[in-house]
Amino acid sequence: MSGEGGDERDPGGEAMLRLLLSQRAHRELLPDPVPEDAIERLLLAATHAPSAEDRQPWAFVVVRDAATRAAIGEIAAGAWRSGAREHARARLGDRLFADVDRWATGGLARAPVVIVVCGDRSRSDPRSLAASVYPAAQNLCLAAHALGLGSLFSTLATASPDLSRRLGLPDHVVPMVVVPVGLPARRLAPPRRAPVASRAWRDRWGDPW
């Protein structure tokens, strides 16, 4: 954006764009503890996501307890072994499949913090719950990246009723995203993406961008 007295780009906007273009899913996290104030900032960012009718139907369970993290990891591993693994094998390249396989069968449980992002059905029309909760989870991941933390967005464990039972969720609250958080074990290059021109059209489908 231009300032009133010139055409210089907004440095804050450029920094935000760099953040968006460099976010990655981190499947290897160090066991080092994450400070309480950092978690608070992640949650604050998550709660500033847009939501349908401004209902803000999100809820967060921040899991540090080792036994509970291990249980969530086993729930995810069970879902992976029961069908997701073979589905992914046919769709992912060998290197990415190996990374996901290691994460699903142990890496998740080793994260020092696991944040389960939930939807409160008493606060939202069920048809718009995901459209409200998923942006909150993405805000959380972006905030983690901004603070030098690694994270990823996973729904692997959320379909199992065992996750709700383990967390003691009431019937009107459903787990929707599992976000492990911690210091990245290694630095990752920016993600590779298809060119915008291959995914965008001007005014109507078929008219090149």
N, C-alpha and C. Protein backbone atom coordinates (compact mmCIF):
# COMPACT_ATOMS: atom_id res chain seq x y z
N MET A 1 0.84 -1.20 0.00
CA MET A 1 0.00 0.00 0.00
C MET A 1 0.87 1.24 0.00
N SER A 2 0.40 2.28 -0.66
CA SER A 2 1.15 3.52 -0.74
C SER A 2 0.82 4.39 0.45
N GLY A 3 1.82 5.08 0.97
CA GLY A 3 1.57 6.08 1.99
C GLY A 3 1.09 7.36 1.33
N GLU A 4 0.62 8.29 2.13
CA GLU A 4 0.08 9.52 1.58
C GLU A 4 1.14 10.32 0.85
N GLY A 5 2.39 10.21 1.29
CA GLY A 5 3.43 11.01 0.69
C GLY A 5 4.33 10.25 -0.25
N GLY A 6 4.03 9.02 -0.61
CA GLY A 6 4.91 8.27 -1.49
C GLY A 6 4.31 6.93 -1.86
N ASP A 7 5.12 6.13 -2.56
CA ASP A 7 4.60 4.84 -3.03
C ASP A 7 5.36 3.67 -2.44
N GLU A 8 6.03 3.89 -1.30
CA GLU A 8 6.77 2.80 -0.66
C GLU A 8 5.80 1.76 -0.13
N ARG A 9 6.21 0.50 -0.24
CA ARG A 9 5.38 -0.59 0.27
C ARG A 9 5.40 -0.58 1.79
N ASP A 10 4.30 -1.04 2.36
CA ASP A 10 4.19 -1.15 3.81
C ASP A 10 5.12 -2.26 4.29
N PRO A 11 6.16 -1.96 5.10
CA PRO A 11 7.08 -3.01 5.52
C PRO A 11 6.40 -4.09 6.35
N GLY A 12 5.38 -3.72 7.12
CA GLY A 12 4.65 -4.73 7.88
C GLY A 12 3.91 -5.68 6.97
N GLY A 13 3.34 -5.15 5.92
CA GLY A 13 2.63 -6.01 4.96
C GLY A 13 3.57 -6.95 4.24
N GLU A 14 4.75 -6.44 3.88
CA GLU A 14 5.73 -7.30 3.22
C GLU A 14 6.20 -8.41 4.15
N ALA A 15 6.38 -8.10 5.42
CA ALA A 15 6.80 -9.11 6.39
C ALA A 15 5.73 -10.19 6.54
N MET A 16 4.47 -9.76 6.56
CA MET A 16 3.38 -10.72 6.66
C MET A 16 3.33 -11.63 5.44
N LEU A 17 3.55 -11.04 4.26
CA LEU A 17 3.54 -11.85 3.05
C LEU A 17 4.68 -12.87 3.08
N ARG A 18 5.86 -12.46 3.52
CA ARG A 18 6.97 -13.42 3.63
C ARG A 18 6.63 -14.54 4.60
N LEU A 19 5.95 -14.20 5.68
CA LEU A 19 5.54 -15.22 6.65
C LEU A 19 4.60 -16.23 5.99
N LEU A 20 3.62 -15.73 5.25
CA LEU A 20 2.65 -16.61 4.60
C LEU A 20 3.32 -17.52 3.57
N LEU A 21 4.29 -16.98 2.85
CA LEU A 21 4.92 -17.74 1.78
C LEU A 21 5.98 -18.73 2.27
N SER A 22 6.34 -18.64 3.55
CA SER A 22 7.39 -19.52 4.07
C SER A 22 6.89 -20.53 5.10
N GLN A 23 5.61 -20.52 5.41
CA GLN A 23 5.09 -21.46 6.41
C GLN A 23 5.19 -22.89 5.89
N ARG A 24 5.61 -23.80 6.76
CA ARG A 24 5.73 -25.21 6.42
C ARG A 24 5.13 -26.06 7.53
N ALA A 25 4.76 -27.29 7.17
CA ALA A 25 4.35 -28.28 8.17
C ALA A 25 5.60 -28.91 8.76
N HIS A 26 5.79 -28.78 10.07
CA HIS A 26 6.97 -29.33 10.75
C HIS A 26 6.60 -30.64 11.42
N ARG A 27 7.15 -31.74 10.92
CA ARG A 27 6.87 -33.06 11.46
C ARG A 27 7.95 -33.53 12.42
N GLU A 28 9.01 -32.76 12.57
CA GLU A 28 10.08 -33.09 13.53
C GLU A 28 10.26 -31.90 14.47
N LEU A 29 9.92 -32.09 15.73
CA LEU A 29 10.01 -31.03 16.72
C LEU A 29 10.93 -31.46 17.86
N LEU A 30 11.63 -30.49 18.41
CA LEU A 30 12.49 -30.77 19.56
C LEU A 30 11.64 -30.94 20.82
N PRO A 31 12.13 -31.68 21.81
CA PRO A 31 11.36 -31.90 23.04
C PRO A 31 11.39 -30.72 24.00
N ASP A 32 12.14 -29.67 23.69
CA ASP A 32 12.26 -28.52 24.59
C ASP A 32 10.90 -27.93 24.91
N PRO A 33 10.68 -27.52 26.15
CA PRO A 33 9.38 -26.95 26.53
C PRO A 33 9.12 -25.63 25.81
N VAL A 34 7.85 -25.35 25.58
CA VAL A 34 7.41 -24.10 24.95
C VAL A 34 6.91 -23.18 26.06
N PRO A 35 7.42 -21.95 26.15
CA PRO A 35 7.01 -21.06 27.24
C PRO A 35 5.50 -20.79 27.25
N GLU A 36 4.97 -20.60 28.44
CA GLU A 36 3.55 -20.34 28.62
C GLU A 36 3.09 -19.10 27.85
N ASP A 37 3.92 -18.05 27.86
CA ASP A 37 3.50 -16.83 27.18
C ASP A 37 3.43 -17.01 25.68
N ALA A 38 4.26 -17.89 25.13
CA ALA A 38 4.19 -18.17 23.70
C ALA A 38 2.88 -18.89 23.36
N ILE A 39 2.49 -19.86 24.18
CA ILE A 39 1.22 -20.54 23.97
C ILE A 39 0.06 -19.55 24.04
N GLU A 40 0.14 -18.64 25.00
CA GLU A 40 -0.91 -17.63 25.13
C GLU A 40 -1.03 -16.78 23.87
N ARG A 41 0.10 -16.45 23.28
CA ARG A 41 0.08 -15.64 22.06
C ARG A 41 -0.48 -16.44 20.88
N LEU A 42 -0.19 -17.71 20.81
CA LEU A 42 -0.77 -18.55 19.75
C LEU A 42 -2.29 -18.59 19.87
N LEU A 43 -2.77 -18.76 21.08
CA LEU A 43 -4.22 -18.82 21.30
C LEU A 43 -4.87 -17.47 21.00
N LEU A 44 -4.19 -16.40 21.36
CA LEU A 44 -4.72 -15.07 21.06
C LEU A 44 -4.87 -14.88 19.55
N ALA A 45 -3.85 -15.29 18.80
CA ALA A 45 -3.92 -15.19 17.35
C ALA A 45 -5.07 -16.05 16.80
N ALA A 46 -5.22 -17.24 17.35
CA ALA A 46 -6.29 -18.13 16.88
C ALA A 46 -7.66 -17.52 17.09
N THR A 47 -7.84 -16.85 18.22
CA THR A 47 -9.16 -16.29 18.52
C THR A 47 -9.45 -15.00 17.76
N HIS A 48 -8.50 -14.55 16.95
CA HIS A 48 -8.74 -13.39 16.10
C HIS A 48 -9.03 -13.79 14.65
N ALA A 49 -9.32 -15.06 14.43
CA ALA A 49 -9.75 -15.51 13.11
C ALA A 49 -11.19 -15.06 12.85
N PRO A 50 -11.58 -14.97 11.59
CA PRO A 50 -12.98 -14.68 11.30
C PRO A 50 -13.86 -15.89 11.62
N SER A 51 -15.13 -15.64 11.88
CA SER A 51 -16.07 -16.74 12.11
C SER A 51 -17.45 -16.34 11.64
N ALA A 52 -18.22 -17.33 11.22
CA ALA A 52 -19.57 -17.07 10.73
C ALA A 52 -20.41 -16.39 11.81
N GLU A 53 -21.05 -15.29 11.46
CA GLU A 53 -21.90 -14.52 12.38
C GLU A 53 -21.14 -14.07 13.63
N ASP A 54 -19.82 -14.07 13.56
CA ASP A 54 -18.98 -13.71 14.70
C ASP A 54 -19.31 -14.54 15.94
N ARG A 55 -19.64 -15.82 15.72
CA ARG A 55 -20.02 -16.68 16.83
C ARG A 55 -18.81 -17.21 17.61
N GLN A 56 -17.63 -17.17 17.00
CA GLN A 56 -16.40 -17.60 17.67
C GLN A 56 -16.56 -18.98 18.34
N PRO A 57 -16.91 -20.00 17.56
CA PRO A 57 -17.25 -21.29 18.16
C PRO A 57 -16.07 -22.21 18.41
N TRP A 58 -14.92 -21.63 18.66
CA TRP A 58 -13.73 -22.45 18.88
C TRP A 58 -13.46 -22.66 20.37
N ALA A 59 -12.75 -23.73 20.64
CA ALA A 59 -12.28 -24.05 22.00
C ALA A 59 -10.96 -24.79 21.83
N PHE A 60 -10.08 -24.64 22.79
CA PHE A 60 -8.72 -25.18 22.66
C PHE A 60 -8.36 -25.99 23.91
N VAL A 61 -7.86 -27.18 23.68
CA VAL A 61 -7.31 -27.99 24.77
C VAL A 61 -5.81 -28.06 24.56
N VAL A 62 -5.06 -27.44 25.46
CA VAL A 62 -3.60 -27.39 25.36
C VAL A 62 -3.04 -28.55 26.18
N VAL A 63 -2.43 -29.49 25.50
CA VAL A 63 -1.98 -30.72 26.15
C VAL A 63 -0.46 -30.71 26.29
N ARG A 64 0.00 -30.71 27.53
CA ARG A 64 1.43 -30.86 27.83
C ARG A 64 1.72 -32.20 28.52
N ASP A 65 0.73 -32.73 29.22
CA ASP A 65 0.89 -33.97 29.96
C ASP A 65 1.39 -35.08 29.03
N ALA A 66 2.49 -35.73 29.42
CA ALA A 66 3.13 -36.72 28.55
C ALA A 66 2.22 -37.91 28.25
N ALA A 67 1.49 -38.38 29.24
CA ALA A 67 0.62 -39.53 29.03
C ALA A 67 -0.51 -39.20 28.05
N THR A 68 -1.05 -38.00 28.16
CA THR A 68 -2.12 -37.60 27.25
C THR A 68 -1.59 -37.38 25.85
N ARG A 69 -0.40 -36.79 25.74
CA ARG A 69 0.21 -36.63 24.42
C ARG A 69 0.47 -37.99 23.78
N ALA A 70 0.93 -38.93 24.57
CA ALA A 70 1.17 -40.28 24.05
C ALA A 70 -0.13 -40.92 23.59
N ALA A 71 -1.20 -40.70 24.35
CA ALA A 71 -2.51 -41.27 23.97
C ALA A 71 -3.01 -40.67 22.67
N ILE A 72 -2.84 -39.35 22.50
CA ILE A 72 -3.25 -38.71 21.25
C ILE A 72 -2.41 -39.26 20.10
N GLY A 73 -1.12 -39.44 20.34
CA GLY A 73 -0.27 -40.02 19.32
C GLY A 73 -0.70 -41.41 18.93
N GLU A 74 -1.12 -42.22 19.89
CA GLU A 74 -1.56 -43.58 19.58
C GLU A 74 -2.89 -43.58 18.83
N ILE A 75 -3.77 -42.65 19.16
CA ILE A 75 -5.03 -42.53 18.42
C ILE A 75 -4.75 -42.19 16.96
N ALA A 76 -3.82 -41.25 16.73
CA ALA A 76 -3.45 -40.89 15.36
C ALA A 76 -2.79 -42.07 14.65
N ALA A 77 -1.90 -42.78 15.36
CA ALA A 77 -1.23 -43.93 14.76
C ALA A 77 -2.22 -45.03 14.39
N GLY A 78 -3.24 -45.21 15.24
CA GLY A 78 -4.26 -46.19 14.93
C GLY A 78 -5.03 -45.84 13.67
N ALA A 79 -5.38 -44.56 13.52
CA ALA A 79 -6.07 -44.12 12.31
C ALA A 79 -5.18 -44.28 11.08
N TRP A 80 -3.90 -44.02 11.26
CA TRP A 80 -2.94 -44.16 10.17
C TRP A 80 -2.82 -45.62 9.73
N ARG A 81 -2.71 -46.51 10.71
CA ARG A 81 -2.55 -47.93 10.38
C ARG A 81 -3.82 -48.55 9.82
N SER A 82 -4.98 -48.01 10.20
CA SER A 82 -6.25 -48.65 9.82
C SER A 82 -6.73 -48.30 8.42
N GLY A 83 -5.96 -47.55 7.67
CA GLY A 83 -6.38 -47.25 6.30
C GLY A 83 -5.73 -46.01 5.70
N ALA A 84 -5.47 -45.02 6.53
CA ALA A 84 -4.90 -43.79 6.00
C ALA A 84 -3.50 -44.02 5.42
N ARG A 85 -2.76 -44.94 6.01
CA ARG A 85 -1.39 -45.20 5.54
C ARG A 85 -1.39 -45.69 4.10
N GLU A 86 -2.21 -46.68 3.80
CA GLU A 86 -2.24 -47.22 2.45
C GLU A 86 -2.81 -46.21 1.46
N HIS A 87 -3.77 -45.43 1.90
CA HIS A 87 -4.32 -44.37 1.05
C HIS A 87 -3.22 -43.38 0.70
N ALA A 88 -2.41 -42.99 1.69
CA ALA A 88 -1.35 -42.01 1.46
C ALA A 88 -0.22 -42.58 0.62
N ARG A 89 0.07 -43.86 0.79
CA ARG A 89 1.18 -44.47 0.04
C ARG A 89 1.00 -44.32 -1.46
N ALA A 90 -0.24 -44.42 -1.91
CA ALA A 90 -0.52 -44.33 -3.35
C ALA A 90 -0.51 -42.89 -3.86
N ARG A 91 -0.53 -41.92 -2.95
CA ARG A 91 -0.68 -40.52 -3.36
C ARG A 91 0.56 -39.66 -3.11
N LEU A 92 1.45 -40.11 -2.23
CA LEU A 92 2.61 -39.31 -1.85
C LEU A 92 3.89 -39.89 -2.45
N GLY A 93 4.84 -39.02 -2.72
CA GLY A 93 6.15 -39.49 -3.12
C GLY A 93 6.83 -40.21 -1.98
N ASP A 94 7.88 -40.97 -2.29
CA ASP A 94 8.53 -41.81 -1.28
C ASP A 94 9.05 -41.00 -0.10
N ARG A 95 9.69 -39.86 -0.38
CA ARG A 95 10.29 -39.08 0.71
C ARG A 95 9.21 -38.49 1.62
N LEU A 96 8.17 -37.88 1.02
CA LEU A 96 7.11 -37.29 1.83
C LEU A 96 6.36 -38.38 2.59
N PHE A 97 6.13 -39.51 1.94
CA PHE A 97 5.43 -40.61 2.64
C PHE A 97 6.24 -41.06 3.86
N ALA A 98 7.54 -41.19 3.71
CA ALA A 98 8.38 -41.62 4.84
C ALA A 98 8.31 -40.60 5.97
N ASP A 99 8.32 -39.31 5.64
CA ASP A 99 8.23 -38.27 6.67
C ASP A 99 6.89 -38.35 7.41
N VAL A 100 5.81 -38.49 6.66
CA VAL A 100 4.49 -38.55 7.28
C VAL A 100 4.35 -39.82 8.11
N ASP A 101 4.89 -40.93 7.61
CA ASP A 101 4.82 -42.20 8.33
C ASP A 101 5.54 -42.10 9.68
N ARG A 102 6.72 -41.50 9.70
CA ARG A 102 7.44 -41.33 10.96
C ARG A 102 6.66 -40.44 11.93
N TRP A 103 6.07 -39.37 11.39
CA TRP A 103 5.32 -38.46 12.24
C TRP A 103 4.08 -39.15 12.82
N ALA A 104 3.34 -39.86 11.98
CA ALA A 104 2.08 -40.48 12.43
C ALA A 104 2.30 -41.62 13.40
N THR A 105 3.46 -42.24 13.37
CA THR A 105 3.71 -43.40 14.23
C THR A 105 4.61 -43.09 15.41
N GLY A 106 4.84 -41.81 15.69
CA GLY A 106 5.65 -41.48 16.86
C GLY A 106 5.98 -40.00 17.00
N GLY A 107 6.14 -39.31 15.89
CA GLY A 107 6.53 -37.91 15.95
C GLY A 107 5.52 -37.02 16.63
N LEU A 108 4.26 -37.28 16.43
CA LEU A 108 3.21 -36.47 17.06
C LEU A 108 3.33 -36.52 18.58
N ALA A 109 3.48 -37.70 19.11
CA ALA A 109 3.53 -37.86 20.57
C ALA A 109 4.77 -37.21 21.18
N ARG A 110 5.80 -37.01 20.39
CA ARG A 110 7.03 -36.41 20.92
C ARG A 110 6.99 -34.89 20.95
N ALA A 111 6.00 -34.27 20.34
CA ALA A 111 5.88 -32.82 20.40
C ALA A 111 5.67 -32.39 21.85
N PRO A 112 6.33 -31.33 22.32
CA PRO A 112 6.17 -30.94 23.72
C PRO A 112 4.80 -30.38 24.06
N VAL A 113 4.09 -29.87 23.04
CA VAL A 113 2.75 -29.34 23.23
C VAL A 113 1.88 -29.82 22.09
N VAL A 114 0.68 -30.26 22.41
CA VAL A 114 -0.31 -30.61 21.39
C VAL A 114 -1.56 -29.80 21.68
N ILE A 115 -1.95 -28.97 20.74
CA ILE A 115 -3.16 -28.15 20.91
C ILE A 115 -4.27 -28.75 20.07
N VAL A 116 -5.33 -29.15 20.72
CA VAL A 116 -6.49 -29.70 20.02
C VAL A 116 -7.50 -28.57 19.84
N VAL A 117 -7.74 -28.22 18.60
CA VAL A 117 -8.66 -27.14 18.27
C VAL A 117 -10.04 -27.77 18.06
N CYS A 118 -11.00 -27.31 18.85
CA CYS A 118 -12.33 -27.91 18.87
C CYS A 118 -13.39 -26.93 18.37
N GLY A 119 -14.51 -27.49 17.96
CA GLY A 119 -15.66 -26.68 17.59
C GLY A 119 -16.79 -26.87 18.59
N ASP A 120 -17.38 -25.78 19.02
CA ASP A 120 -18.49 -25.81 19.98
C ASP A 120 -19.79 -25.72 19.20
N ARG A 121 -20.50 -26.84 19.08
CA ARG A 121 -21.72 -26.88 18.26
C ARG A 121 -22.85 -26.09 18.88
N SER A 122 -22.75 -25.76 20.16
CA SER A 122 -23.80 -24.95 20.78
C SER A 122 -23.69 -23.48 20.39
N ARG A 123 -22.58 -23.10 19.78
CA ARG A 123 -22.34 -21.71 19.42
C ARG A 123 -22.37 -21.46 17.92
N SER A 124 -22.70 -22.49 17.13
CA SER A 124 -22.62 -22.32 15.69
C SER A 124 -23.58 -23.24 14.97
N ASP A 125 -24.06 -22.79 13.83
CA ASP A 125 -24.78 -23.67 12.91
C ASP A 125 -23.79 -24.74 12.45
N PRO A 126 -24.15 -26.02 12.53
CA PRO A 126 -23.21 -27.08 12.14
C PRO A 126 -22.65 -26.91 10.73
N ARG A 127 -23.43 -26.28 9.85
CA ARG A 127 -22.99 -26.12 8.47
C ARG A 127 -21.83 -25.13 8.33
N SER A 128 -21.65 -24.27 9.30
CA SER A 128 -20.58 -23.28 9.21
C SER A 128 -19.49 -23.48 10.26
N LEU A 129 -19.57 -24.58 11.01
CA LEU A 129 -18.61 -24.80 12.09
C LEU A 129 -17.18 -24.90 11.55
N ALA A 130 -16.99 -25.71 10.52
CA ALA A 130 -15.64 -25.89 9.99
C ALA A 130 -15.10 -24.58 9.40
N ALA A 131 -15.97 -23.82 8.74
CA ALA A 131 -15.54 -22.55 8.13
C ALA A 131 -15.10 -21.55 9.18
N SER A 132 -15.51 -21.73 10.42
CA SER A 132 -15.08 -20.85 11.50
C SER A 132 -13.86 -21.40 12.25
N VAL A 133 -13.82 -22.71 12.47
CA VAL A 133 -12.76 -23.30 13.30
C VAL A 133 -11.45 -23.46 12.53
N TYR A 134 -11.53 -23.86 11.26
CA TYR A 134 -10.29 -24.06 10.50
C TYR A 134 -9.46 -22.78 10.35
N PRO A 135 -10.08 -21.60 10.10
CA PRO A 135 -9.26 -20.39 10.09
C PRO A 135 -8.56 -20.13 11.43
N ALA A 136 -9.21 -20.46 12.53
CA ALA A 136 -8.57 -20.29 13.84
C ALA A 136 -7.34 -21.17 13.95
N ALA A 137 -7.44 -22.41 13.47
CA ALA A 137 -6.29 -23.32 13.50
C ALA A 137 -5.17 -22.82 12.60
N GLN A 138 -5.53 -22.27 11.44
CA GLN A 138 -4.51 -21.72 10.57
C GLN A 138 -3.84 -20.50 11.18
N ASN A 139 -4.61 -19.63 11.83
CA ASN A 139 -4.02 -18.50 12.54
C ASN A 139 -3.02 -18.99 13.58
N LEU A 140 -3.38 -20.04 14.28
CA LEU A 140 -2.50 -20.60 15.31
C LEU A 140 -1.17 -21.05 14.70
N CYS A 141 -1.25 -21.75 13.56
CA CYS A 141 -0.04 -22.23 12.89
C CYS A 141 0.81 -21.07 12.38
N LEU A 142 0.17 -20.05 11.83
CA LEU A 142 0.91 -18.89 11.35
C LEU A 142 1.60 -18.15 12.50
N ALA A 143 0.90 -18.03 13.62
CA ALA A 143 1.50 -17.38 14.78
C ALA A 143 2.69 -18.18 15.29
N ALA A 144 2.59 -19.50 15.28
CA ALA A 144 3.72 -20.33 15.68
C ALA A 144 4.92 -20.06 14.78
N HIS A 145 4.69 -20.00 13.50
CA HIS A 145 5.77 -19.71 12.55
C HIS A 145 6.39 -18.35 12.83
N ALA A 146 5.55 -17.36 13.11
CA ALA A 146 6.04 -16.02 13.39
C ALA A 146 6.93 -15.98 14.63
N LEU A 147 6.66 -16.86 15.59
CA LEU A 147 7.43 -16.90 16.83
C LEU A 147 8.62 -17.87 16.77
N GLY A 148 8.87 -18.42 15.58
CA GLY A 148 10.00 -19.34 15.44
C GLY A 148 9.70 -20.75 15.88
N LEU A 149 8.44 -21.08 16.03
CA LEU A 149 8.02 -22.43 16.42
C LEU A 149 7.54 -23.20 15.19
N GLY A 150 7.60 -24.51 15.29
CA GLY A 150 7.07 -25.37 14.24
C GLY A 150 5.71 -25.90 14.64
N SER A 151 4.89 -26.18 13.65
CA SER A 151 3.57 -26.75 13.91
C SER A 151 3.09 -27.43 12.64
N LEU A 152 1.97 -28.09 12.72
CA LEU A 152 1.27 -28.55 11.53
C LEU A 152 -0.20 -28.72 11.86
N PHE A 153 -1.01 -28.83 10.81
CA PHE A 153 -2.47 -28.89 10.88
C PHE A 153 -2.87 -30.30 10.52
N SER A 154 -3.40 -31.06 11.47
CA SER A 154 -3.74 -32.47 11.21
C SER A 154 -5.15 -32.80 11.69
N THR A 155 -5.86 -33.56 10.89
CA THR A 155 -7.18 -34.06 11.28
C THR A 155 -7.17 -35.58 11.48
N LEU A 156 -5.99 -36.18 11.45
CA LEU A 156 -5.89 -37.64 11.47
C LEU A 156 -6.57 -38.27 12.67
N ALA A 157 -6.40 -37.69 13.86
CA ALA A 157 -6.95 -38.30 15.08
C ALA A 157 -8.36 -37.86 15.39
N THR A 158 -8.89 -36.88 14.66
CA THR A 158 -10.14 -36.24 15.10
C THR A 158 -11.39 -37.08 14.86
N ALA A 159 -11.32 -38.05 13.96
CA ALA A 159 -12.51 -38.86 13.66
C ALA A 159 -12.78 -39.92 14.74
N SER A 160 -11.79 -40.21 15.56
CA SER A 160 -11.95 -41.26 16.58
C SER A 160 -12.65 -40.72 17.82
N PRO A 161 -13.69 -41.42 18.30
CA PRO A 161 -14.33 -41.01 19.56
C PRO A 161 -13.38 -41.10 20.75
N ASP A 162 -12.29 -41.85 20.59
CA ASP A 162 -11.33 -41.97 21.69
C ASP A 162 -10.69 -40.64 22.03
N LEU A 163 -10.53 -39.76 21.03
CA LEU A 163 -9.92 -38.47 21.31
C LEU A 163 -10.81 -37.62 22.22
N SER A 164 -12.09 -37.57 21.90
CA SER A 164 -13.02 -36.82 22.76
C SER A 164 -13.07 -37.39 24.16
N ARG A 165 -13.08 -38.71 24.27
CA ARG A 165 -13.12 -39.34 25.59
C ARG A 165 -11.86 -39.02 26.38
N ARG A 166 -10.73 -39.10 25.72
CA ARG A 166 -9.46 -38.87 26.43
C ARG A 166 -9.38 -37.44 26.95
N LEU A 167 -9.93 -36.49 26.20
CA LEU A 167 -9.88 -35.09 26.60
C LEU A 167 -11.05 -34.67 27.49
N GLY A 168 -12.02 -35.57 27.68
CA GLY A 168 -13.18 -35.25 28.51
C GLY A 168 -14.08 -34.20 27.89
N LEU A 169 -14.18 -34.19 26.57
CA LEU A 169 -14.99 -33.17 25.91
C LEU A 169 -16.47 -33.43 26.11
N PRO A 170 -17.26 -32.40 26.36
CA PRO A 170 -18.71 -32.57 26.43
C PRO A 170 -19.26 -32.88 25.04
N ASP A 171 -20.49 -33.36 24.97
CA ASP A 171 -21.05 -33.82 23.70
C ASP A 171 -21.14 -32.72 22.66
N HIS A 172 -21.30 -31.48 23.08
CA HIS A 172 -21.48 -30.41 22.09
C HIS A 172 -20.15 -29.85 21.58
N VAL A 173 -19.03 -30.37 22.07
CA VAL A 173 -17.70 -29.92 21.64
C VAL A 173 -17.02 -31.06 20.89
N VAL A 174 -16.57 -30.77 19.68
CA VAL A 174 -15.96 -31.81 18.85
C VAL A 174 -14.53 -31.42 18.48
N PRO A 175 -13.58 -32.36 18.56
CA PRO A 175 -12.22 -32.06 18.13
C PRO A 175 -12.17 -31.98 16.61
N MET A 176 -11.50 -30.97 16.08
CA MET A 176 -11.49 -30.77 14.63
C MET A 176 -10.09 -30.71 14.04
N VAL A 177 -9.12 -30.23 14.79
CA VAL A 177 -7.73 -30.15 14.31
C VAL A 177 -6.79 -30.44 15.47
N VAL A 178 -5.76 -31.20 15.21
CA VAL A 178 -4.70 -31.44 16.18
C VAL A 178 -3.45 -30.70 15.69
N VAL A 179 -2.91 -29.81 16.52
CA VAL A 179 -1.75 -29.00 16.14
C VAL A 179 -0.61 -29.24 17.13
N PRO A 180 0.38 -30.06 16.76
CA PRO A 180 1.57 -30.19 17.60
C PRO A 180 2.42 -28.93 17.46
N VAL A 181 3.03 -28.49 18.55
CA VAL A 181 3.82 -27.26 18.55
C VAL A 181 5.13 -27.50 19.29
N GLY A 182 6.21 -26.94 18.74
CA GLY A 182 7.50 -27.03 19.40
C GLY A 182 8.56 -26.36 18.55
N LEU A 183 9.77 -26.33 19.06
CA LEU A 183 10.88 -25.81 18.27
C LEU A 183 11.19 -26.76 17.12
N PRO A 184 11.36 -26.24 15.91
CA PRO A 184 11.66 -27.13 14.77
C PRO A 184 12.99 -27.86 14.96
N ALA A 185 13.01 -29.12 14.60
CA ALA A 185 14.25 -29.89 14.68
C ALA A 185 15.21 -29.50 13.56
N ARG A 186 14.70 -28.96 12.46
CA ARG A 186 15.55 -28.51 11.36
C ARG A 186 14.86 -27.40 10.60
N ARG A 187 15.66 -26.62 9.94
CA ARG A 187 15.15 -25.50 9.15
C ARG A 187 14.62 -26.03 7.82
N LEU A 188 13.47 -25.56 7.43
CA LEU A 188 12.86 -26.01 6.17
C LEU A 188 12.83 -24.87 5.17
N ALA A 189 13.08 -25.19 3.92
CA ALA A 189 13.00 -24.20 2.85
C ALA A 189 11.54 -23.84 2.60
N PRO A 190 11.28 -22.71 1.96
CA PRO A 190 9.88 -22.36 1.63
C PRO A 190 9.22 -23.46 0.81
N PRO A 191 7.92 -23.62 0.93
CA PRO A 191 7.24 -24.70 0.20
C PRO A 191 7.22 -24.44 -1.29
N ARG A 192 7.19 -25.52 -2.06
CA ARG A 192 7.03 -25.40 -3.51
C ARG A 192 5.54 -25.42 -3.82
N ARG A 193 5.12 -24.51 -4.68
CA ARG A 193 3.71 -24.42 -5.04
C ARG A 193 3.56 -24.28 -6.55
N ALA A 194 2.44 -24.75 -7.08
CA ALA A 194 2.14 -24.56 -8.49
C ALA A 194 2.00 -23.06 -8.78
N PRO A 195 2.38 -22.60 -9.96
CA PRO A 195 2.25 -21.18 -10.29
C PRO A 195 0.80 -20.71 -10.13
N VAL A 196 0.66 -19.47 -9.67
CA VAL A 196 -0.68 -18.89 -9.51
C VAL A 196 -1.45 -18.97 -10.82
N ALA A 197 -0.78 -18.72 -11.93
CA ALA A 197 -1.46 -18.69 -13.24
C ALA A 197 -2.08 -20.04 -13.61
N SER A 198 -1.60 -21.12 -12.97
CA SER A 198 -2.18 -22.43 -13.28
C SER A 198 -3.40 -22.74 -12.42
N ARG A 199 -3.71 -21.85 -11.46
CA ARG A 199 -4.82 -22.10 -10.55
C ARG A 199 -5.83 -20.95 -10.50
N ALA A 200 -5.60 -19.91 -11.31
CA ALA A 200 -6.47 -18.73 -11.25
C ALA A 200 -6.94 -18.34 -12.64
N TRP A 201 -8.16 -17.81 -12.69
CA TRP A 201 -8.76 -17.37 -13.95
C TRP A 201 -9.24 -15.93 -13.79
N ARG A 202 -9.35 -15.22 -14.90
CA ARG A 202 -9.77 -13.83 -14.87
C ARG A 202 -11.24 -13.71 -15.31
N ASP A 203 -12.09 -13.34 -14.38
CA ASP A 203 -13.51 -13.09 -14.61
C ASP A 203 -14.35 -14.35 -14.82
N ARG A 204 -13.84 -15.34 -15.56
CA ARG A 204 -14.60 -16.58 -15.76
C ARG A 204 -13.62 -17.70 -16.03
N TRP A 205 -14.07 -18.93 -15.74
CA TRP A 205 -13.23 -20.10 -15.91
C TRP A 205 -12.75 -20.20 -17.36
N GLY A 206 -11.46 -20.43 -17.52
CA GLY A 206 -10.89 -20.60 -18.85
C GLY A 206 -10.19 -19.37 -19.37
N ASP A 207 -10.47 -18.18 -18.80
CA ASP A 207 -9.78 -16.98 -19.23
C ASP A 207 -8.50 -16.84 -18.40
N PRO A 208 -7.33 -16.93 -19.02
CA PRO A 208 -6.07 -16.97 -18.26
C PRO A 208 -5.87 -15.76 -17.36
N TRP A 209 -5.22 -16.01 -16.24
CA TRP A 209 -4.88 -14.94 -15.32
C TRP A 209 -3.78 -14.08 -15.92
